[in-house]
Protein backbone atom coordinates (compact mmCIF):
# COMPACT_ATOMS: atom_id res chain seq x y z
CA MET A 1 67.20 111.71 215.63
CA GLY A 2 68.79 108.36 214.88
CA VAL A 3 70.88 109.97 212.15
CA ALA A 4 72.11 112.75 214.42
CA SER A 5 72.74 110.66 217.50
CA MET A 6 74.52 107.82 215.71
CA GLY A 7 76.34 109.88 213.09
CA TRP A 8 79.61 109.69 214.97
CA VAL A 9 79.63 106.03 216.05
CA ALA A 10 81.51 104.66 213.04
CA ARG A 11 84.21 107.28 213.64
CA ILE A 12 84.77 106.64 217.37
CA PRO A 13 88.28 105.13 216.96
CA GLU A 14 89.47 108.19 215.00
CA ILE A 15 87.84 110.60 217.46
CA LYS A 16 89.44 108.83 220.41
CA ASP A 17 92.86 108.96 218.72
CA ALA A 18 92.49 112.62 217.67
CA ASN A 19 91.95 113.52 221.32
CA GLY A 20 94.88 111.41 222.54
CA LEU A 21 92.73 109.25 224.80
CA ASN A 22 93.22 105.68 225.94
CA ASN A 23 90.17 103.47 226.48
CA ALA A 24 89.76 104.36 230.16
CA GLN A 25 90.05 108.08 229.52
CA PHE A 26 87.65 107.88 226.60
CA GLY A 27 85.15 106.06 228.80
CA LEU A 28 85.30 108.89 231.34
CA VAL A 29 84.86 111.53 228.63
CA LEU A 30 81.79 109.64 227.36
CA LEU A 31 80.14 110.24 230.74
CA SER A 32 79.70 113.88 229.77
CA SER A 33 77.12 112.82 227.18
CA SER A 34 75.16 111.01 229.88
CA LEU A 35 75.35 114.04 232.15
CA GLY A 36 74.06 116.24 229.33
CA SER A 37 71.26 113.77 228.68
CA ILE A 38 70.16 113.70 232.30
CA ILE A 39 70.11 117.48 232.59
CA GLY A 40 68.43 117.91 229.20
CA ALA A 41 65.65 115.46 229.99
CA GLN A 42 64.96 117.12 233.33
CA LEU A 43 64.79 120.62 231.87
CA ALA A 44 62.88 119.65 228.74
CA GLY A 45 59.78 118.53 230.61
CA ARG A 46 59.49 121.90 232.30
CA LEU A 47 60.21 123.79 229.09
CA VAL A 48 57.65 121.78 227.11
CA HIS A 49 55.04 122.40 229.80
CA THR A 50 55.75 126.14 229.73
CA PHE A 51 56.30 126.79 226.02
CA GLY A 52 54.89 123.77 224.18
CA SER A 53 56.93 121.14 222.40
CA ARG A 54 57.19 122.88 219.03
CA LYS A 55 58.94 125.94 220.47
CA VAL A 56 61.24 123.75 222.54
CA LEU A 57 62.06 121.60 219.51
CA PHE A 58 62.97 124.64 217.46
CA VAL A 59 65.84 125.30 219.88
CA THR A 60 66.82 121.86 221.16
CA SER A 61 66.88 120.19 217.75
CA MET A 62 69.77 122.49 216.81
CA LEU A 63 71.86 121.47 219.84
CA LEU A 64 72.21 117.83 218.82
CA PRO A 65 73.78 118.49 215.39
CA ALA A 66 75.87 121.33 216.85
CA GLY A 67 77.36 118.91 219.37
CA LEU A 68 77.82 116.26 216.68
CA CYS A 69 79.68 118.65 214.40
CA ALA A 70 81.86 119.88 217.28
CA ILE A 71 82.87 116.29 218.10
CA GLY A 72 84.46 116.01 214.66
CA PHE A 73 86.64 119.06 215.22
CA SER A 74 87.66 118.19 218.76
CA THR A 75 91.36 117.62 219.43
CA GLN A 76 91.34 118.17 223.21
CA PRO A 77 89.56 115.95 225.74
CA ILE A 78 87.83 118.91 227.43
CA PHE A 79 86.42 120.11 224.11
CA LEU A 80 85.31 116.58 223.28
CA ALA A 81 83.61 116.34 226.68
CA LEU A 82 81.80 119.65 226.11
CA SER A 83 80.76 118.56 222.62
CA LEU A 84 79.42 115.26 223.95
CA PHE A 85 77.61 117.10 226.75
CA LEU A 86 75.94 119.37 224.19
CA MET A 87 75.00 116.41 222.01
CA GLY A 88 73.58 114.51 225.00
CA PHE A 89 71.66 117.54 226.20
CA GLY A 90 70.30 118.18 222.72
CA TYR A 91 69.38 114.54 222.22
CA SER A 92 67.43 114.03 225.41
CA SER A 93 65.67 117.38 225.39
CA THR A 94 64.67 116.88 221.75
CA ASP A 95 63.55 113.34 222.56
CA VAL A 96 61.26 114.53 225.37
CA ALA A 97 59.69 117.18 223.16
CA LEU A 98 59.30 114.79 220.20
CA ASN A 99 57.65 112.17 222.37
CA THR A 100 55.23 114.85 223.57
CA GLN A 101 54.36 115.50 219.93
CA ALA A 102 53.92 111.77 219.29
CA VAL A 103 51.54 111.36 222.22
CA ALA A 104 49.48 114.33 221.02
CA ILE A 105 49.36 112.91 217.49
CA GLU A 106 48.19 109.56 218.84
CA LYS A 107 45.37 111.32 220.68
CA ILE A 108 44.34 113.34 217.63
CA LEU A 109 44.41 110.31 215.31
CA ASN A 110 42.97 108.02 217.97
CA ALA A 111 45.53 105.48 216.81
CA ARG A 112 48.81 104.11 218.06
CA SER A 113 51.80 105.46 216.19
CA MET A 114 54.57 105.75 218.80
CA SER A 115 56.24 102.51 217.68
CA SER A 116 56.39 103.81 214.10
CA PHE A 117 58.09 106.99 215.28
CA HIS A 118 60.63 104.98 217.25
CA ALA A 119 61.18 102.58 214.35
CA MET A 120 62.23 105.52 212.20
CA TRP A 121 64.94 106.31 214.77
CA SER A 122 66.36 102.83 214.21
CA VAL A 123 66.24 103.19 210.43
CA GLY A 124 68.10 106.50 210.61
CA ALA A 125 70.63 105.12 213.08
CA PHE A 126 71.31 102.09 210.90
CA PHE A 127 71.83 103.99 207.68
CA THR A 128 73.97 106.75 209.13
CA THR A 129 76.24 104.21 210.84
CA VAL A 130 76.62 102.19 207.63
CA PHE A 131 77.24 105.41 205.70
CA GLY A 132 79.86 106.63 208.18
CA GLY A 133 81.68 103.33 208.10
CA SER A 134 81.62 103.08 204.32
CA ILE A 135 83.15 106.53 203.76
CA ALA A 136 85.65 106.44 206.63
CA ARG A 137 88.63 105.73 204.38
CA VAL A 138 87.93 108.56 201.93
CA VAL A 139 86.27 111.32 203.97
CA SER A 140 87.68 113.02 207.07
CA VAL A 141 85.87 112.83 210.39
CA GLN A 142 85.33 116.59 210.24
CA THR A 143 83.73 116.48 206.79
CA ASN A 144 81.64 113.43 207.69
CA LEU A 145 80.22 114.88 210.90
CA ALA A 146 79.77 118.37 209.46
CA ALA A 147 77.81 116.91 206.53
CA VAL A 148 75.62 114.75 208.77
CA SER A 149 75.04 117.76 211.04
CA LEU A 150 74.04 119.95 208.11
CA VAL A 151 71.59 117.33 206.84
CA CYS A 152 70.10 117.10 210.34
CA VAL A 153 69.75 120.88 210.70
CA ILE A 154 67.98 121.12 207.34
CA ALA A 155 65.70 118.17 208.17
CA PHE A 156 64.86 119.54 211.62
CA LEU A 157 64.10 123.00 210.23
CA LEU A 158 61.85 121.55 207.54
CA CYS A 159 59.99 119.45 210.10
CA VAL A 160 59.67 121.82 213.05
CA TYR A 161 57.17 124.05 211.27
CA ARG A 162 54.92 121.06 210.62
CA LEU A 163 54.70 120.13 214.30
CA LEU A 164 51.62 120.64 216.41
CA PRO A 165 51.28 124.02 218.12
CA ALA A 166 51.21 124.18 221.92
CA HIS A 167 47.42 124.30 222.23
CA LEU A 168 47.21 120.95 220.38
CA ASP A 169 50.02 119.21 222.23
CA GLY A 170 48.33 119.81 225.57
CA HIS A 171 50.65 122.50 226.92
CA LYS A 172 50.52 126.21 227.61
CA GLY A 173 52.83 127.56 224.90
C-alpha cells in the first residue's frame, strides 16, 4: 500500500505542470483524493461486513494502482481529479479491508502484529519515493507510474489469494 499510495509523490511537480495548474488550483484538485478516501472508507466497512475482506480486497486493491497509473497520463485537471478520486477511494477502501485482515490475524495468532503491518507501509512508501526521485530525470512520469502500478497489481494479486476467507475474518462473506 505504501508503494502504491506514494508512487506519485516524487513526480508531483511534473504532474502539476502537465495539467497546467498553479499551486492553488493543484491544491483544490488534491481535494478529490480526500473525497474519494472518505467515500471509500464509508463504503468499505459495509462491503467487508457483507462480503468479507478478501472479496473486497480483490476489487479495491485494483482501484489504487489504476488511479495511480491514470495520474501519470493526465493532462487535464478534471482527469487528474478523477484519477486522484479513484486512487483515494481505492486506498481507503483497501486500507479498511486490510486492517480487518490484520485484526483477524492478531486474534488467530493471539499476538500483536498490527504495528508490523503498518511499518511495512512506511518501508514501501520510503523506497518508492526514493526510487521515483532517483529515476525522474531519465524515465517519464507515465512510464514510472505505469511500472509502479503494474508491480502493485502483481503484488496484490499474489497476496489476495493468501488472505483469510470471510468466515475467519469475522464477517459473513
